[in-house]
């Protein structure tokens, strides 16, 4: 299970400065993610697993809005994770977050979580099924997973239209003209968009069910599902 780990300091700094200008509805996506989790968890004190926690946007949103939640952040990039740690430290909420600077499959599965979040990460994962299975292993039965990703079939005409829309969005945000071509160049190399149909199939194979969308803005899709109850859980 390989995730892009080449997020060096200058890349991390660039990410923080530009991500909201590259992802349509970036802040709304994170706000709605907490709404979805709160709806699924019914306000109970909960342990949340955040996979791909570098940057910290989802962690900051959860900490600020839900006092009873304890967060575990996992990310293999030291630069990205340091950024998240600094943001949490500014809130003086370090005691509510546990950090793991590694890939998820290297984190002990002994702790079982009440929910998981993976935002804008899975399109960097080429082998998605093992990634999703590792998340499922660490969740309570019926625990929700919220996942957001770049969606689409790269061979389709619709994908070309969505790419053009994204280029217009980035231009309006004032990004340098080389930003979009650089993003497009990485498609199929380090960035692997996935269709909603394919994602649903992978989630089902990994043991998730009740899959439904909660967000879409251009190429960005958000889904919520829950870990199914398996025979082993009944023993």
Protein backbone atom coordinates (compact mmCIF):
# COMPACT_ATOMS: atom_id res chain seq x y z
CA UNK A 1 0.00 0.00 0.00
CA UNK A 2 1.90 3.03 -1.24
CA UNK A 3 0.97 6.65 -0.71
CA UNK A 4 2.87 9.60 -2.13
CA UNK A 5 5.35 10.42 0.66
CA UNK A 6 7.39 13.03 -1.22
CA UNK A 7 5.94 16.05 0.56
CA UNK A 8 9.09 17.98 1.42
CA UNK A 9 9.14 21.29 3.30
CA UNK A 10 8.72 23.57 0.28
CA UNK A 11 5.94 21.35 -1.11
CA UNK A 12 4.15 21.37 2.24
CA UNK A 13 4.37 25.16 2.46
CA UNK A 14 3.03 25.50 -1.08
CA UNK A 15 0.19 23.10 -0.24
CA UNK A 16 -0.90 25.15 2.75
CA UNK A 17 -0.82 28.38 0.78
CA UNK A 18 -2.68 27.17 -2.31
CA UNK A 19 -4.87 24.14 -1.55
CA UNK A 20 -8.07 26.17 -1.04
CA UNK A 21 -7.45 27.78 -4.45
CA UNK A 22 -7.04 24.40 -6.14
CA UNK A 23 -10.01 22.54 -4.62
CA UNK A 24 -13.46 24.00 -5.28
CA UNK A 25 -15.43 24.27 -2.05
CA UNK A 26 -12.42 23.29 0.08
CA UNK A 27 -13.59 24.93 3.32
CA UNK A 28 -17.22 23.93 2.81
CA UNK A 29 -16.12 20.33 2.24
CA UNK A 30 -14.43 20.25 5.65
CA UNK A 31 -17.34 21.97 7.39
CA UNK A 32 -19.82 19.48 5.94
CA UNK A 33 -17.54 16.60 6.86
CA UNK A 34 -17.91 17.47 10.56
CA UNK A 35 -21.68 17.84 10.05
CA UNK A 36 -21.81 14.36 8.53
CA UNK A 37 -19.74 12.83 11.33
CA UNK A 38 -21.82 14.52 14.02
CA UNK A 39 -24.99 13.24 12.36
CA UNK A 40 -23.65 9.69 12.19
CA UNK A 41 -22.22 9.72 15.71
CA UNK A 42 -25.19 11.50 17.25
CA UNK A 43 -22.99 13.83 19.27
CA UNK A 44 -21.36 11.13 21.41
CA UNK A 45 -17.78 11.42 22.65
CA UNK A 46 -15.77 9.64 20.00
CA UNK A 47 -12.35 8.53 18.81
CA UNK A 48 -11.73 9.65 15.23
CA UNK A 49 -9.06 8.19 12.96
CA UNK A 50 -7.75 10.70 10.40
CA UNK A 51 -5.85 9.05 7.54
CA UNK A 52 -3.67 11.49 5.64
CA UNK A 53 -3.73 14.06 8.43
CA UNK A 54 -0.96 16.29 7.04
CA UNK A 55 -1.99 19.92 6.80
CA UNK A 56 -4.52 19.46 9.58
CA UNK A 57 -7.60 21.16 8.12
CA UNK A 58 -10.01 18.36 9.04
CA UNK A 59 -8.44 17.97 12.49
CA UNK A 60 -8.74 21.69 13.21
CA UNK A 61 -12.41 21.66 12.20
CA UNK A 62 -13.16 18.68 14.43
CA UNK A 63 -11.27 20.02 17.44
CA UNK A 64 -12.92 23.43 17.29
CA UNK A 65 -16.44 22.13 16.90
CA UNK A 66 -16.56 18.94 19.01
CA UNK A 67 -15.04 19.13 22.48
CA UNK A 68 -15.54 15.44 23.24
CA UNK A 69 -13.73 14.05 20.22
CA UNK A 70 -10.24 12.56 20.48
CA UNK A 71 -8.32 12.51 17.19
CA UNK A 72 -5.62 10.19 15.89
CA UNK A 73 -3.73 11.64 12.92
CA UNK A 74 -1.75 9.38 10.56
CA UNK A 75 0.51 10.64 7.76
CA UNK A 76 3.82 9.36 6.33
CA UNK A 77 5.12 12.83 5.47
CA UNK A 78 7.02 14.54 8.33
CA UNK A 79 6.69 17.97 6.69
CA UNK A 80 2.94 17.70 6.27
CA UNK A 81 2.43 16.25 9.74
CA UNK A 82 4.56 19.00 11.30
CA UNK A 83 2.26 21.54 9.68
CA UNK A 84 -0.77 19.87 11.28
CA UNK A 85 0.98 19.71 14.66
CA UNK A 86 1.79 23.44 14.54
CA UNK A 87 -1.82 24.30 13.78
CA UNK A 88 -3.08 22.16 16.67
CA UNK A 89 -0.48 23.69 19.01
CA UNK A 90 -1.78 27.16 18.15
CA UNK A 91 -5.18 26.05 19.50
CA UNK A 92 -3.54 24.60 22.66
CA UNK A 93 -5.35 21.31 22.03
CA UNK A 94 -2.36 18.98 21.71
CA UNK A 95 -3.67 16.66 24.44
CA UNK A 96 -6.62 15.69 22.24
CA UNK A 97 -4.52 14.47 19.30
CA UNK A 98 -2.31 11.38 18.91
CA UNK A 99 0.11 11.44 15.97
CA UNK A 100 1.60 8.64 13.86
CA UNK A 101 4.24 9.63 11.33
CA UNK A 102 3.91 6.54 9.15
CA UNK A 103 1.63 4.74 6.72
CA UNK A 104 -1.63 3.39 8.15
CA UNK A 105 -0.64 -0.27 7.77
CA UNK A 106 2.26 0.39 10.17
CA UNK A 107 -0.10 1.63 12.91
CA UNK A 108 -1.34 -0.91 15.46
CA UNK A 109 -4.86 -2.16 14.79
CA UNK A 110 -5.47 -2.84 18.49
CA UNK A 111 -7.23 0.51 18.93
CA UNK A 112 -10.68 0.46 17.34
CA UNK A 113 -12.16 3.81 16.33
CA UNK A 114 -15.69 5.20 16.26
CA UNK A 115 -15.20 6.91 12.87
CA UNK A 116 -12.59 7.58 10.22
CA UNK A 117 -11.87 10.45 7.86
CA UNK A 118 -9.66 10.47 4.77
CA UNK A 119 -9.81 13.76 2.91
CA UNK A 120 -8.25 14.28 -0.53
CA UNK A 121 -5.85 11.39 -0.04
CA UNK A 122 -7.07 8.27 -1.81
CA UNK A 123 -6.39 9.63 -5.31
CA UNK A 124 -2.70 9.48 -4.35
CA UNK A 125 -3.08 5.75 -3.58
CA UNK A 126 -2.69 3.42 -6.53
CA UNK A 127 -3.79 0.24 -4.72
CA UNK A 128 -6.96 1.50 -3.09
CA UNK A 129 -8.48 -1.74 -1.82
CA UNK A 130 -5.71 -2.54 0.71
CA UNK A 131 -5.82 1.09 1.86
CA UNK A 132 -9.57 0.89 2.52
CA UNK A 133 -9.24 -2.52 4.15
CA UNK A 134 -6.67 -1.14 6.59
CA UNK A 135 -9.14 1.60 7.56
CA UNK A 136 -11.94 -0.95 7.98
CA UNK A 137 -9.75 -3.08 10.28
CA UNK A 138 -9.52 -0.17 12.71
CA UNK A 139 -13.23 0.69 12.87
CA UNK A 140 -16.06 -0.45 15.08
CA UNK A 141 -18.89 -2.27 13.26
CA UNK A 142 -21.23 0.33 11.72
CA UNK A 143 -18.68 3.11 12.32
CA UNK A 144 -18.76 5.79 9.60
CA UNK A 145 -16.00 6.50 7.11
CA UNK A 146 -15.95 9.85 5.33
CA UNK A 147 -13.79 10.03 2.23
CA UNK A 148 -13.22 12.80 -0.31
CA UNK A 149 -11.27 12.40 -3.54
CA UNK A 150 -10.73 13.52 -7.12
CA UNK A 151 -13.36 11.62 -9.08
CA UNK A 152 -13.74 10.84 -12.74
CA UNK A 153 -12.86 8.54 -15.61
CA UNK A 154 -9.71 9.95 -17.19
CA UNK A 155 -10.63 8.45 -20.58
CA UNK A 156 -14.05 10.07 -20.73
CA UNK A 157 -15.18 13.23 -22.49
CA UNK A 158 -16.83 14.34 -19.24
CA UNK A 159 -13.45 14.25 -17.50
CA UNK A 160 -11.99 16.62 -20.08
CA UNK A 161 -14.82 19.06 -19.42
CA UNK A 162 -14.27 18.82 -15.67
CA UNK A 163 -10.57 19.48 -16.19
CA UNK A 164 -11.38 22.61 -18.17
CA UNK A 165 -13.73 23.79 -15.44
CA UNK A 166 -10.97 23.26 -12.88
CA UNK A 167 -8.52 25.27 -14.96
CA UNK A 168 -11.00 28.17 -15.03
CA UNK A 169 -11.51 27.90 -11.26
CA UNK A 170 -7.75 28.01 -10.61
CA UNK A 171 -7.34 31.01 -12.90
CA UNK A 172 -10.04 32.92 -11.02
CA UNK A 173 -8.24 32.17 -7.75
CA UNK A 174 -5.18 34.00 -9.06
CA UNK A 175 -2.86 30.98 -9.19
CA UNK A 176 0.20 31.08 -11.41
CA UNK A 177 -0.55 29.88 -14.94
CA UNK A 178 1.79 26.87 -14.58
CA UNK A 179 -0.14 25.42 -11.60
CA UNK A 180 -2.90 23.76 -13.62
CA UNK A 181 -0.58 22.25 -16.29
CA UNK A 182 1.54 20.87 -13.46
CA UNK A 183 -1.53 19.26 -11.88
CA UNK A 184 -2.66 17.84 -15.23
CA UNK A 185 0.79 16.39 -15.85
CA UNK A 186 0.64 14.39 -12.62
CA UNK A 187 -2.66 12.71 -13.53
CA UNK A 188 -2.09 9.00 -13.95
CA UNK A 189 1.42 9.33 -12.49
CA UNK A 190 1.20 10.37 -8.84
CA UNK A 191 -2.48 11.37 -8.91
CA UNK A 192 -5.05 8.71 -9.74
CA UNK A 193 -8.64 9.97 -10.11
CA UNK A 194 -11.29 7.33 -9.48
CA UNK A 195 -14.87 7.18 -10.71
CA UNK A 196 -17.65 7.12 -8.12
CA UNK A 197 -18.74 3.70 -9.44
CA UNK A 198 -15.24 2.28 -8.98
CA UNK A 199 -14.92 3.85 -5.54
CA UNK A 200 -18.24 2.35 -4.46
CA UNK A 201 -17.07 -1.06 -5.64
CA UNK A 202 -13.79 -0.76 -3.73
CA UNK A 203 -15.58 0.35 -0.57
CA UNK A 204 -17.96 -2.62 -0.75
CA UNK A 205 -15.07 -5.05 -1.26
CA UNK A 206 -13.34 -3.51 1.78
CA UNK A 207 -16.39 -4.21 3.93
CA UNK A 208 -18.28 -0.91 3.82
CA UNK A 209 -21.98 -0.39 3.11
CA UNK A 210 -24.69 2.29 3.08
CA UNK A 211 -22.58 4.42 0.71
CA UNK A 212 -23.98 7.82 -0.18
CA UNK A 213 -22.63 11.15 -1.48
CA UNK A 214 -22.61 14.25 0.72
CA UNK A 215 -20.52 16.67 -1.35
CA UNK A 216 -19.54 17.42 -4.92
CA UNK A 217 -17.89 20.46 -6.47
CA UNK A 218 -16.48 19.89 -9.91
CA UNK A 219 -14.04 16.97 -9.73
CA UNK A 220 -14.15 16.72 -5.93
CA UNK A 221 -16.50 14.11 -4.50
CA UNK A 222 -17.33 13.33 -0.88
CA UNK A 223 -18.85 10.02 0.23
CA UNK A 224 -19.95 8.71 3.59
CA UNK A 225 -20.41 5.02 4.35
CA UNK A 226 -20.26 2.68 7.32
CA UNK A 227 -18.24 -0.39 8.17
CA UNK A 228 -20.36 -3.48 7.79
CA UNK A 229 -20.90 -6.01 10.54
CA UNK A 230 -18.98 -9.19 9.77
CA UNK A 231 -19.37 -12.70 11.18
CA UNK A 232 -16.16 -12.25 13.16
CA UNK A 233 -17.71 -9.28 14.94
CA UNK A 234 -20.53 -11.43 16.27
CA UNK A 235 -18.28 -13.99 18.00
